[in-house]
Amino acid sequence: MNSSPLRSGWNLPDLRRGFMETIPLGIGVTIYGLVYGMLGRQGVLPFWMIPAMSLIVFAGSSQILAAEMMISGASPLSVITTVLVVNLRHVVMSADMAVHVQDEPAGKKALAAFFLTDEAYAVSYAHFQREKGTISYILGAGLDIYLFWALSSVAGYWFGNLVPPILEPAFGFAMAAAFLSMLVPAVRNIPVLSAVLVSAATAVCGSLWLPGKWYILLAAFTGSTAGFLLEECRNKRKKEVPV
């Protein structure tokens, strides 16, 4: 009898491994959480709204954006629409992860999908490139990010005023550095590199010329398409090479 799976069907060793291997990025996420909490305090949002949004949405960038919009007096409909558009990239990430966990129950996939952030996806993607992964690993990675995010956002709300103003610009640099640390290890071949370059170019151009945040979704789809087409071409050439 296998003792590793939990009664609920979750594999505890894989869940623990996903959690532990995501800790470096979880530490980086504290920067986002602090900014989110500080923003809420400075914008006079009630404290309950800070953790409540994480329970309902849990997507760092869109939570920060939603807080900014609410502070500026945007209508509820515009806030909801904007957050929806920004979070549509999660459809792409979930679709990629779904390939690895096709046989899992829908309920387990739904739970793992809720905790699937950019950071958890990056760690899970890299893990699945090295070896066969499980949905428990994905959940463990997501829980790690959730824990760091929740604790740091609360800390930012109550203690963010202790941060010297001179250090605040460094938060933006830290965010960019955290995402680069996720991106660089994943670039291992030409298709992946093309996906990165195409999505980056699309995002930059889209942010300049397109209204709203649609460029985020557009960048995800154009990058994915470019990577897919190059990968298909490479596989086709391999098949045509005589043995």
Foldseek 3Di string as FASTA:
>chain_A
DDPQADPVRFGVVLLQVLQVVLQVLLVLLLLLLLLLQLLCQVLVHDPVVQVVCCVVQNERVLSSVLSVCVSVPHDPVVSVVLSVLLCVLLVVLLVVVCVLEVPDDPVLSVQLSRLQYPSLSLSVVVVVVVHRGYSSSSSSNSVNNSVSNSVSNSCSNPPVVVDDPVCNVVSVVSVVVSVVVSQVVVPDDDLSVQLVVQLVVQLVVCVVPPPRRNSNVVSNVRSVVSSVVVVVVVVVVVVVDDD
